[in-house]
Amino acid sequence: MAEHRTMQRGALLDAARSLLSEGGTEALTFPALAERTGLARSSVYEYFRSRAAVVEELCAVDFPVWAGEVEAAMAAAATPEEKIEAYVRRQLALAGDRRHRAVVAISAGELDAGARERIRAAHGGLIALVVETLGRLGHRQPRLAAVLLQGVVDAAVRRAELAVAESPEEVAEAAVAMALRGVRGG
């Protein structure tokens, strides 16, 4: 029975990712989740009490995977500069993944304060991955530099999603160049 519930919960989360990435917050409804999974609408409520609870669970499940992928890319890099480049490039590559699009699609305003705080903490964990590397590059305030570096990544993600003027590859190249010039410390 527990295995069945775990599978159903996973199917609901997968359906939520698809709905959010395809149609944004308006698409994430319990009737749509029920239709995508073949469950009765009342069954969806047995797993999640609200749309915000679905998003919170998506963050709890997907964010550690995403952070692990960024950490692995950084670990494979040899120099501090290559680690910074890996940090930027891996996040930009992951931004196109529906796990990321799903989490971004819903407004933080729809989440309760506790859920927003858990998401902020998870995001802080991502930033923490690069603090030591920035310290090695000579930054006197590596935490501040990491937050600013993440701002470059976040802006690049938003720009690449627009896809109006530059290709995602051009955005990635510009973000890496800006990050590497800005992280040399001193």
N, C-alpha and C. Protein backbone atom coordinates (compact mmCIF):
# COMPACT_ATOMS: atom_id res chain seq x y z
N MET A 1 0.82 -1.21 0.00
CA MET A 1 0.00 0.00 0.00
C MET A 1 0.87 1.27 0.00
N ALA A 2 1.92 1.27 0.82
CA ALA A 2 2.80 2.44 0.87
C ALA A 2 3.48 2.66 -0.47
N GLU A 3 3.87 1.58 -1.13
CA GLU A 3 4.52 1.69 -2.43
C GLU A 3 3.56 2.30 -3.46
N HIS A 4 2.30 1.89 -3.41
CA HIS A 4 1.29 2.43 -4.32
C HIS A 4 1.12 3.93 -4.09
N ARG A 5 1.04 4.34 -2.83
CA ARG A 5 0.89 5.78 -2.52
C ARG A 5 2.10 6.57 -3.01
N THR A 6 3.27 5.99 -2.85
CA THR A 6 4.49 6.66 -3.32
C THR A 6 4.46 6.83 -4.83
N MET A 7 4.03 5.80 -5.53
CA MET A 7 3.93 5.88 -6.99
C MET A 7 2.88 6.91 -7.41
N GLN A 8 1.74 6.93 -6.73
CA GLN A 8 0.69 7.91 -7.07
C GLN A 8 1.17 9.33 -6.80
N ARG A 9 1.85 9.54 -5.69
CA ARG A 9 2.38 10.86 -5.36
C ARG A 9 3.38 11.29 -6.44
N GLY A 10 4.24 10.37 -6.85
CA GLY A 10 5.20 10.66 -7.91
C GLY A 10 4.51 11.01 -9.22
N ALA A 11 3.45 10.29 -9.55
CA ALA A 11 2.69 10.58 -10.77
C ALA A 11 2.04 11.96 -10.69
N LEU A 12 1.53 12.31 -9.53
CA LEU A 12 0.93 13.64 -9.35
C LEU A 12 1.98 14.74 -9.50
N LEU A 13 3.15 14.53 -8.94
CA LEU A 13 4.21 15.53 -9.06
C LEU A 13 4.67 15.65 -10.51
N ASP A 14 4.78 14.54 -11.20
CA ASP A 14 5.17 14.59 -12.60
C ASP A 14 4.12 15.34 -13.43
N ALA A 15 2.86 15.07 -13.16
CA ALA A 15 1.78 15.78 -13.85
C ALA A 15 1.82 17.27 -13.53
N ALA A 16 2.11 17.61 -12.27
CA ALA A 16 2.20 19.02 -11.88
C ALA A 16 3.33 19.72 -12.62
N ARG A 17 4.48 19.06 -12.73
CA ARG A 17 5.61 19.63 -13.48
C ARG A 17 5.19 19.94 -14.92
N SER A 18 4.53 18.99 -15.53
CA SER A 18 4.10 19.18 -16.92
C SER A 18 3.11 20.32 -17.04
N LEU A 19 2.12 20.33 -16.17
CA LEU A 19 1.10 21.38 -16.23
C LEU A 19 1.72 22.76 -16.03
N LEU A 20 2.59 22.90 -15.04
CA LEU A 20 3.21 24.19 -14.77
C LEU A 20 4.10 24.64 -15.92
N SER A 21 4.89 23.72 -16.47
CA SER A 21 5.79 24.12 -17.54
C SER A 21 5.04 24.39 -18.84
N GLU A 22 3.91 23.75 -19.04
CA GLU A 22 3.13 23.96 -20.26
C GLU A 22 2.24 25.19 -20.19
N GLY A 23 1.62 25.41 -19.02
CA GLY A 23 0.62 26.47 -18.97
C GLY A 23 0.70 27.42 -17.80
N GLY A 24 1.77 27.34 -16.99
CA GLY A 24 1.91 28.24 -15.87
C GLY A 24 0.95 27.90 -14.74
N THR A 25 0.81 28.82 -13.82
CA THR A 25 0.03 28.57 -12.61
C THR A 25 -1.43 28.27 -12.88
N GLU A 26 -1.98 28.90 -13.93
CA GLU A 26 -3.39 28.69 -14.23
C GLU A 26 -3.67 27.23 -14.60
N ALA A 27 -2.67 26.58 -15.16
CA ALA A 27 -2.85 25.19 -15.60
C ALA A 27 -2.83 24.19 -14.44
N LEU A 28 -2.22 24.59 -13.33
CA LEU A 28 -2.12 23.67 -12.19
C LEU A 28 -3.40 23.72 -11.37
N THR A 29 -4.29 22.81 -11.69
CA THR A 29 -5.54 22.69 -10.95
C THR A 29 -5.71 21.24 -10.53
N PHE A 30 -6.48 21.02 -9.50
CA PHE A 30 -6.70 19.64 -9.07
C PHE A 30 -7.47 18.84 -10.11
N PRO A 31 -8.45 19.43 -10.81
CA PRO A 31 -9.09 18.65 -11.88
C PRO A 31 -8.09 18.25 -12.98
N ALA A 32 -7.17 19.16 -13.32
CA ALA A 32 -6.18 18.83 -14.34
C ALA A 32 -5.22 17.75 -13.85
N LEU A 33 -4.83 17.83 -12.58
CA LEU A 33 -3.97 16.77 -12.01
C LEU A 33 -4.70 15.43 -12.04
N ALA A 34 -5.97 15.46 -11.68
CA ALA A 34 -6.75 14.22 -11.69
C ALA A 34 -6.83 13.64 -13.10
N GLU A 35 -7.08 14.51 -14.07
CA GLU A 35 -7.20 14.04 -15.46
C GLU A 35 -5.88 13.45 -15.96
N ARG A 36 -4.77 14.13 -15.66
CA ARG A 36 -3.46 13.66 -16.12
C ARG A 36 -3.05 12.33 -15.50
N THR A 37 -3.50 12.10 -14.28
CA THR A 37 -3.06 10.88 -13.57
C THR A 37 -4.11 9.78 -13.57
N GLY A 38 -5.33 10.11 -14.00
CA GLY A 38 -6.39 9.12 -13.99
C GLY A 38 -7.01 8.90 -12.62
N LEU A 39 -6.72 9.80 -11.69
CA LEU A 39 -7.29 9.72 -10.35
C LEU A 39 -8.57 10.55 -10.28
N ALA A 40 -9.38 10.24 -9.32
CA ALA A 40 -10.54 11.09 -9.03
C ALA A 40 -10.02 12.37 -8.37
N ARG A 41 -10.72 13.48 -8.59
CA ARG A 41 -10.30 14.74 -7.99
C ARG A 41 -10.19 14.62 -6.47
N SER A 42 -11.13 13.92 -5.86
CA SER A 42 -11.09 13.76 -4.40
C SER A 42 -9.83 13.00 -3.97
N SER A 43 -9.33 12.13 -4.82
CA SER A 43 -8.09 11.40 -4.49
C SER A 43 -6.88 12.32 -4.48
N VAL A 44 -6.87 13.32 -5.36
CA VAL A 44 -5.76 14.27 -5.39
C VAL A 44 -5.66 14.97 -4.04
N TYR A 45 -6.81 15.32 -3.45
CA TYR A 45 -6.81 16.00 -2.15
C TYR A 45 -6.28 15.11 -1.03
N GLU A 46 -6.26 13.81 -1.23
CA GLU A 46 -5.68 12.91 -0.23
C GLU A 46 -4.17 13.06 -0.18
N TYR A 47 -3.59 13.52 -1.27
CA TYR A 47 -2.14 13.66 -1.35
C TYR A 47 -1.67 15.08 -1.06
N PHE A 48 -2.44 16.06 -1.50
CA PHE A 48 -2.05 17.47 -1.34
C PHE A 48 -3.26 18.29 -0.93
N ARG A 49 -3.07 19.20 0.01
CA ARG A 49 -4.17 20.02 0.51
C ARG A 49 -4.44 21.26 -0.35
N SER A 50 -3.42 21.65 -1.17
CA SER A 50 -3.56 22.86 -1.98
C SER A 50 -2.54 22.85 -3.12
N ARG A 51 -2.71 23.79 -4.05
CA ARG A 51 -1.72 23.96 -5.11
C ARG A 51 -0.37 24.33 -4.51
N ALA A 52 -0.38 25.18 -3.50
CA ALA A 52 0.87 25.58 -2.85
C ALA A 52 1.59 24.37 -2.27
N ALA A 53 0.84 23.41 -1.73
CA ALA A 53 1.45 22.20 -1.18
C ALA A 53 2.11 21.37 -2.28
N VAL A 54 1.50 21.37 -3.47
CA VAL A 54 2.09 20.66 -4.60
C VAL A 54 3.42 21.31 -4.96
N VAL A 55 3.43 22.63 -5.07
CA VAL A 55 4.65 23.35 -5.44
C VAL A 55 5.72 23.17 -4.36
N GLU A 56 5.33 23.23 -3.12
CA GLU A 56 6.28 23.04 -2.03
C GLU A 56 6.93 21.67 -2.13
N GLU A 57 6.15 20.66 -2.43
CA GLU A 57 6.68 19.30 -2.59
C GLU A 57 7.60 19.22 -3.81
N LEU A 58 7.23 19.88 -4.89
CA LEU A 58 8.11 19.90 -6.07
C LEU A 58 9.46 20.50 -5.71
N CYS A 59 9.45 21.58 -4.96
CA CYS A 59 10.71 22.21 -4.55
C CYS A 59 11.52 21.27 -3.67
N ALA A 60 10.85 20.62 -2.74
CA ALA A 60 11.54 19.71 -1.82
C ALA A 60 12.16 18.53 -2.56
N VAL A 61 11.51 18.07 -3.60
CA VAL A 61 12.00 16.92 -4.36
C VAL A 61 13.03 17.34 -5.42
N ASP A 62 12.74 18.39 -6.16
CA ASP A 62 13.54 18.73 -7.32
C ASP A 62 14.76 19.60 -7.01
N PHE A 63 14.66 20.48 -6.03
CA PHE A 63 15.77 21.39 -5.79
C PHE A 63 17.04 20.66 -5.36
N PRO A 64 16.99 19.66 -4.49
CA PRO A 64 18.22 18.95 -4.14
C PRO A 64 18.86 18.24 -5.34
N VAL A 65 18.04 17.75 -6.26
CA VAL A 65 18.57 17.11 -7.46
C VAL A 65 19.30 18.14 -8.30
N TRP A 66 18.67 19.31 -8.46
CA TRP A 66 19.27 20.38 -9.23
C TRP A 66 20.59 20.83 -8.59
N ALA A 67 20.58 21.07 -7.30
CA ALA A 67 21.80 21.49 -6.60
C ALA A 67 22.88 20.42 -6.72
N GLY A 68 22.50 19.15 -6.65
CA GLY A 68 23.47 18.07 -6.80
C GLY A 68 24.12 18.06 -8.17
N GLU A 69 23.35 18.39 -9.19
CA GLU A 69 23.90 18.45 -10.54
C GLU A 69 24.88 19.61 -10.68
N VAL A 70 24.56 20.74 -10.08
CA VAL A 70 25.47 21.89 -10.11
C VAL A 70 26.74 21.55 -9.34
N GLU A 71 26.59 20.94 -8.19
CA GLU A 71 27.74 20.57 -7.36
C GLU A 71 28.64 19.57 -8.10
N ALA A 72 28.05 18.60 -8.78
CA ALA A 72 28.83 17.62 -9.54
C ALA A 72 29.60 18.29 -10.68
N ALA A 73 28.97 19.23 -11.36
CA ALA A 73 29.65 19.94 -12.44
C ALA A 73 30.83 20.73 -11.90
N MET A 74 30.63 21.36 -10.75
CA MET A 74 31.73 22.12 -10.14
C MET A 74 32.85 21.19 -9.68
N ALA A 75 32.51 20.05 -9.13
CA ALA A 75 33.51 19.10 -8.64
C ALA A 75 34.37 18.56 -9.79
N ALA A 76 33.80 18.47 -10.97
CA ALA A 76 34.53 17.96 -12.12
C ALA A 76 35.49 18.99 -12.71
N ALA A 77 35.35 20.24 -12.31
CA ALA A 77 36.21 21.32 -12.81
C ALA A 77 37.49 21.39 -11.98
N ALA A 78 38.59 21.73 -12.65
CA ALA A 78 39.89 21.71 -11.98
C ALA A 78 40.25 23.02 -11.27
N THR A 79 40.04 24.15 -11.93
CA THR A 79 40.47 25.43 -11.37
C THR A 79 39.28 26.18 -10.79
N PRO A 80 39.54 27.16 -9.93
CA PRO A 80 38.42 27.97 -9.42
C PRO A 80 37.62 28.65 -10.54
N GLU A 81 38.30 29.13 -11.57
CA GLU A 81 37.60 29.76 -12.68
C GLU A 81 36.70 28.76 -13.41
N GLU A 82 37.21 27.54 -13.60
CA GLU A 82 36.41 26.51 -14.24
C GLU A 82 35.22 26.12 -13.37
N LYS A 83 35.39 26.15 -12.06
CA LYS A 83 34.28 25.86 -11.14
C LYS A 83 33.19 26.93 -11.26
N ILE A 84 33.61 28.19 -11.37
CA ILE A 84 32.64 29.28 -11.54
C ILE A 84 31.90 29.09 -12.87
N GLU A 85 32.64 28.79 -13.91
CA GLU A 85 32.01 28.58 -15.22
C GLU A 85 31.02 27.41 -15.16
N ALA A 86 31.40 26.34 -14.49
CA ALA A 86 30.51 25.18 -14.35
C ALA A 86 29.25 25.56 -13.57
N TYR A 87 29.42 26.35 -12.52
CA TYR A 87 28.29 26.82 -11.71
C TYR A 87 27.28 27.57 -12.58
N VAL A 88 27.78 28.47 -13.40
CA VAL A 88 26.90 29.27 -14.25
C VAL A 88 26.29 28.41 -15.36
N ARG A 89 27.12 27.71 -16.08
CA ARG A 89 26.63 26.94 -17.23
C ARG A 89 25.64 25.85 -16.83
N ARG A 90 25.93 25.15 -15.74
CA ARG A 90 25.03 24.05 -15.35
C ARG A 90 23.67 24.60 -14.96
N GLN A 91 23.64 25.72 -14.24
CA GLN A 91 22.35 26.29 -13.87
C GLN A 91 21.58 26.75 -15.10
N LEU A 92 22.28 27.35 -16.06
CA LEU A 92 21.60 27.80 -17.27
C LEU A 92 21.06 26.61 -18.06
N ALA A 93 21.82 25.53 -18.09
CA ALA A 93 21.34 24.33 -18.78
C ALA A 93 20.13 23.75 -18.06
N LEU A 94 20.17 23.75 -16.75
CA LEU A 94 19.05 23.19 -15.98
C LEU A 94 17.81 24.07 -16.04
N ALA A 95 18.00 25.36 -16.30
CA ALA A 95 16.85 26.26 -16.35
C ALA A 95 15.86 25.87 -17.44
N GLY A 96 16.34 25.22 -18.47
CA GLY A 96 15.45 24.75 -19.53
C GLY A 96 14.72 23.47 -19.16
N ASP A 97 15.12 22.83 -18.09
CA ASP A 97 14.50 21.59 -17.64
C ASP A 97 13.13 21.90 -17.05
N ARG A 98 12.18 21.03 -17.28
CA ARG A 98 10.82 21.29 -16.80
C ARG A 98 10.73 21.30 -15.28
N ARG A 99 11.68 20.67 -14.58
CA ARG A 99 11.67 20.75 -13.11
C ARG A 99 11.82 22.20 -12.68
N HIS A 100 12.73 22.89 -13.32
CA HIS A 100 12.96 24.30 -12.98
C HIS A 100 11.80 25.16 -13.45
N ARG A 101 11.36 24.96 -14.69
CA ARG A 101 10.26 25.76 -15.22
C ARG A 101 9.01 25.61 -14.36
N ALA A 102 8.79 24.43 -13.84
CA ALA A 102 7.60 24.19 -13.03
C ALA A 102 7.65 24.99 -11.74
N VAL A 103 8.80 25.00 -11.09
CA VAL A 103 8.92 25.71 -9.82
C VAL A 103 8.83 27.21 -10.04
N VAL A 104 9.45 27.70 -11.11
CA VAL A 104 9.43 29.13 -11.40
C VAL A 104 8.04 29.60 -11.82
N ALA A 105 7.27 28.71 -12.43
CA ALA A 105 5.98 29.09 -13.01
C ALA A 105 4.98 29.60 -11.98
N ILE A 106 5.08 29.14 -10.77
CA ILE A 106 4.08 29.55 -9.78
C ILE A 106 4.62 30.69 -8.93
N SER A 107 3.79 31.62 -8.66
CA SER A 107 4.19 32.80 -7.89
C SER A 107 4.45 32.44 -6.44
N ALA A 108 5.53 33.02 -5.91
CA ALA A 108 5.84 32.80 -4.49
C ALA A 108 4.72 33.37 -3.61
N GLY A 109 3.94 34.30 -4.14
CA GLY A 109 2.84 34.88 -3.38
C GLY A 109 1.76 33.87 -3.05
N GLU A 110 1.71 32.77 -3.81
CA GLU A 110 0.71 31.75 -3.56
C GLU A 110 1.12 30.79 -2.44
N LEU A 111 2.37 30.89 -2.02
CA LEU A 111 2.87 29.99 -0.99
C LEU A 111 2.79 30.65 0.37
N ASP A 112 2.63 29.84 1.40
CA ASP A 112 2.62 30.41 2.74
C ASP A 112 4.05 30.76 3.14
N ALA A 113 4.19 31.49 4.23
CA ALA A 113 5.50 31.99 4.66
C ALA A 113 6.48 30.85 4.90
N GLY A 114 6.01 29.76 5.47
CA GLY A 114 6.89 28.62 5.73
C GLY A 114 7.43 28.02 4.45
N ALA A 115 6.58 27.90 3.45
CA ALA A 115 7.01 27.33 2.17
C ALA A 115 8.01 28.26 1.48
N ARG A 116 7.74 29.56 1.51
CA ARG A 116 8.67 30.52 0.91
C ARG A 116 10.03 30.45 1.61
N GLU A 117 10.01 30.29 2.93
CA GLU A 117 11.27 30.22 3.67
C GLU A 117 12.05 28.95 3.31
N ARG A 118 11.37 27.83 3.14
CA ARG A 118 12.05 26.60 2.75
C ARG A 118 12.66 26.74 1.35
N ILE A 119 11.97 27.42 0.46
CA ILE A 119 12.50 27.64 -0.88
C ILE A 119 13.72 28.56 -0.82
N ARG A 120 13.64 29.62 -0.01
CA ARG A 120 14.79 30.53 0.15
C ARG A 120 15.99 29.77 0.73
N ALA A 121 15.74 28.89 1.69
CA ALA A 121 16.83 28.12 2.28
C ALA A 121 17.47 27.19 1.25
N ALA A 122 16.65 26.58 0.42
CA ALA A 122 17.18 25.70 -0.63
C ALA A 122 18.01 26.51 -1.62
N HIS A 123 17.54 27.69 -1.97
CA HIS A 123 18.27 28.57 -2.87
C HIS A 123 19.58 28.99 -2.22
N GLY A 124 19.56 29.25 -0.93
CA GLY A 124 20.78 29.60 -0.20
C GLY A 124 21.79 28.46 -0.24
N GLY A 125 21.31 27.23 -0.23
CA GLY A 125 22.20 26.08 -0.35
C GLY A 125 22.91 26.05 -1.68
N LEU A 126 22.23 26.47 -2.73
CA LEU A 126 22.84 26.55 -4.05
C LEU A 126 23.94 27.61 -4.05
N ILE A 127 23.66 28.74 -3.48
CA ILE A 127 24.65 29.82 -3.40
C ILE A 127 25.85 29.37 -2.57
N ALA A 128 25.60 28.61 -1.51
CA ALA A 128 26.70 28.14 -0.65
C ALA A 128 27.70 27.29 -1.41
N LEU A 129 27.27 26.66 -2.50
CA LEU A 129 28.18 25.82 -3.29
C LEU A 129 29.37 26.60 -3.85
N VAL A 130 29.21 27.88 -4.06
CA VAL A 130 30.23 28.66 -4.74
C VAL A 130 31.01 29.59 -3.80
N VAL A 131 30.60 29.70 -2.55
CA VAL A 131 31.25 30.62 -1.62
C VAL A 131 32.73 30.30 -1.43
N GLU A 132 33.06 29.05 -1.19
CA GLU A 132 34.46 28.66 -0.97
C GLU A 132 35.33 28.98 -2.18
N THR A 133 34.80 28.70 -3.36
CA THR A 133 35.55 28.98 -4.59
C THR A 133 35.82 30.47 -4.72
N LEU A 134 34.84 31.29 -4.40
CA LEU A 134 35.03 32.73 -4.48
C LEU A 134 36.05 33.21 -3.45
N GLY A 135 36.07 32.59 -2.28
CA GLY A 135 37.10 32.90 -1.29
C GLY A 135 38.49 32.58 -1.83
N ARG A 136 38.62 31.46 -2.52
CA ARG A 136 39.92 31.09 -3.11
C ARG A 136 40.37 32.08 -4.18
N LEU A 137 39.41 32.73 -4.80
CA LEU A 137 39.74 33.72 -5.83
C LEU A 137 40.07 35.09 -5.23
N GLY A 138 40.01 35.20 -3.91
CA GLY A 138 40.44 36.43 -3.27
C GLY A 138 39.35 37.38 -2.82
N HIS A 139 38.12 36.98 -2.90
CA HIS A 139 37.06 37.88 -2.45
C HIS A 139 37.07 38.01 -0.94
N ARG A 140 37.03 39.24 -0.46
CA ARG A 140 36.98 39.48 0.99
C ARG A 140 35.60 39.15 1.55
N GLN A 141 34.58 39.24 0.72
CA GLN A 141 33.21 38.92 1.12
C GLN A 141 32.66 37.88 0.14
N PRO A 142 33.12 36.64 0.25
CA PRO A 142 32.71 35.64 -0.74
C PRO A 142 31.22 35.34 -0.73
N ARG A 143 30.56 35.46 0.41
CA ARG A 143 29.11 35.22 0.46
C ARG A 143 28.37 36.28 -0.35
N LEU A 144 28.75 37.53 -0.17
CA LEU A 144 28.15 38.61 -0.96
C LEU A 144 28.43 38.40 -2.44
N ALA A 145 29.66 38.05 -2.78
CA ALA A 145 30.01 37.80 -4.17
C ALA A 145 29.17 36.65 -4.74
N ALA A 146 28.92 35.63 -3.94
CA ALA A 146 28.11 34.49 -4.39
C ALA A 146 26.67 34.92 -4.67
N VAL A 147 26.12 35.75 -3.81
CA VAL A 147 24.76 36.25 -4.03
C VAL A 147 24.70 37.06 -5.32
N LEU A 148 25.69 37.91 -5.53
CA LEU A 148 25.72 38.72 -6.75
C LEU A 148 25.93 37.85 -7.99
N LEU A 149 26.78 36.83 -7.88
CA LEU A 149 26.97 35.90 -8.98
C LEU A 149 25.66 35.19 -9.32
N GLN A 150 24.93 34.80 -8.29
CA GLN A 150 23.64 34.16 -8.54
C GLN A 150 22.68 35.12 -9.22
N GLY A 151 22.80 36.41 -8.91
CA GLY A 151 21.99 37.41 -9.60
C GLY A 151 22.26 37.43 -11.10
N VAL A 152 23.53 37.27 -11.48
CA VAL A 152 23.89 37.19 -12.90
C VAL A 152 23.23 35.96 -13.51
N VAL A 153 23.30 34.83 -12.81
CA VAL A 153 22.69 33.60 -13.32
C VAL A 153 21.18 33.79 -13.47
N ASP A 154 20.54 34.34 -12.44
CA ASP A 154 19.08 34.53 -12.49
C ASP A 154 18.69 35.45 -13.64
N ALA A 155 19.45 36.53 -13.85
CA ALA A 155 19.15 37.45 -14.95
C ALA A 155 19.35 36.75 -16.30
N ALA A 156 20.37 35.92 -16.40
CA ALA A 156 20.61 35.19 -17.65
C ALA A 156 19.48 34.20 -17.93
N VAL A 157 18.99 33.56 -16.88
CA VAL A 157 17.86 32.62 -17.05
C VAL A 157 16.65 33.37 -17.59
N ARG A 158 16.34 34.51 -16.98
CA ARG A 158 15.18 35.29 -17.45
C ARG A 158 15.37 35.75 -18.89
N ARG A 159 16.58 36.20 -19.23
CA ARG A 159 16.84 36.68 -20.59
C ARG A 159 16.73 35.54 -21.60
N ALA A 160 17.29 34.39 -21.26
CA ALA A 160 17.23 33.25 -22.18
C ALA A 160 15.80 32.78 -22.39
N GLU A 161 14.97 32.88 -21.35
CA GLU A 161 13.58 32.46 -21.48
C GLU A 161 12.81 33.37 -22.43
N LEU A 162 13.23 34.63 -22.55
CA LEU A 162 12.56 35.55 -23.48
C LEU A 162 12.80 35.14 -24.92
N ALA A 163 14.01 34.69 -25.22
CA ALA A 163 14.41 34.23 -26.55
C ALA A 163 13.99 35.20 -27.65
N VAL A 164 14.17 36.49 -27.39
CA VAL A 164 13.77 37.48 -28.38
C VAL A 164 14.94 38.03 -29.17
N ALA A 165 16.03 38.32 -28.52
CA ALA A 165 17.15 38.95 -29.22
C ALA A 165 18.33 38.00 -29.38
N GLU A 166 18.68 37.32 -28.32
CA GLU A 166 19.84 36.44 -28.35
C GLU A 166 19.40 34.99 -28.17
N SER A 167 20.24 34.11 -28.67
CA SER A 167 19.98 32.69 -28.45
C SER A 167 20.37 32.34 -27.02
N PRO A 168 19.85 31.24 -26.49
CA PRO A 168 20.27 30.82 -25.14
C PRO A 168 21.78 30.63 -25.05
N GLU A 169 22.41 30.19 -26.13
CA GLU A 169 23.87 30.01 -26.13
C GLU A 169 24.58 31.35 -25.99
N GLU A 170 24.08 32.38 -26.68
CA GLU A 170 24.68 33.71 -26.57
C GLU A 170 24.51 34.26 -25.16
N VAL A 171 23.36 34.03 -24.57
CA VAL A 171 23.12 34.48 -23.20
C VAL A 171 24.08 33.77 -22.25
N ALA A 172 24.25 32.46 -22.44
CA ALA A 172 25.16 31.70 -21.58
C ALA A 172 26.59 32.21 -21.71
N GLU A 173 27.04 32.47 -22.93
CA GLU A 173 28.40 32.97 -23.13
C GLU A 173 28.58 34.32 -22.45
N ALA A 174 27.62 35.21 -22.59
CA ALA A 174 27.71 36.53 -21.97
C ALA A 174 27.71 36.42 -20.44
N ALA A 175 26.87 35.54 -19.90
CA ALA A 175 26.81 35.36 -18.45
C ALA A 175 28.12 34.79 -17.91
N VAL A 176 28.68 33.82 -18.60
CA VAL A 176 29.96 33.24 -18.16
C VAL A 176 31.05 34.30 -18.21
N ALA A 177 31.11 35.05 -19.29
CA ALA A 177 32.14 36.10 -19.42
C ALA A 177 31.99 37.13 -18.30
N MET A 178 30.76 37.56 -18.04
CA MET A 178 30.54 38.54 -16.99
C MET A 178 30.91 37.96 -15.62
N ALA A 179 30.51 36.73 -15.39
CA ALA A 179 30.80 36.10 -14.11
C ALA A 179 32.31 35.96 -13.91
N LEU A 180 33.02 35.52 -14.92
CA LEU A 180 34.46 35.32 -14.76
C LEU A 180 35.21 36.62 -14.59
N ARG A 181 34.78 37.67 -15.27
CA ARG A 181 35.43 38.97 -15.07
C ARG A 181 35.13 39.51 -13.68
N GLY A 182 33.92 39.22 -13.19
CA GLY A 182 33.51 39.79 -11.91
C GLY A 182 33.93 38.99 -10.70
N VAL A 183 34.35 37.75 -10.86
CA VAL A 183 34.66 36.93 -9.69
C VAL A 183 36.14 36.82 -9.41
N ARG A 184 36.96 37.50 -10.13
CA ARG A 184 38.40 37.36 -9.93
C ARG A 184 38.88 37.91 -8.59
N GLY A 185 38.02 38.62 -7.88
CA GLY A 185 38.36 39.03 -6.51
C GLY A 185 39.23 40.26 -6.44
N GLY A 186 39.65 40.51 -5.20
CA GLY A 186 40.53 41.66 -4.99
C GLY A 186 39.86 42.75 -4.23
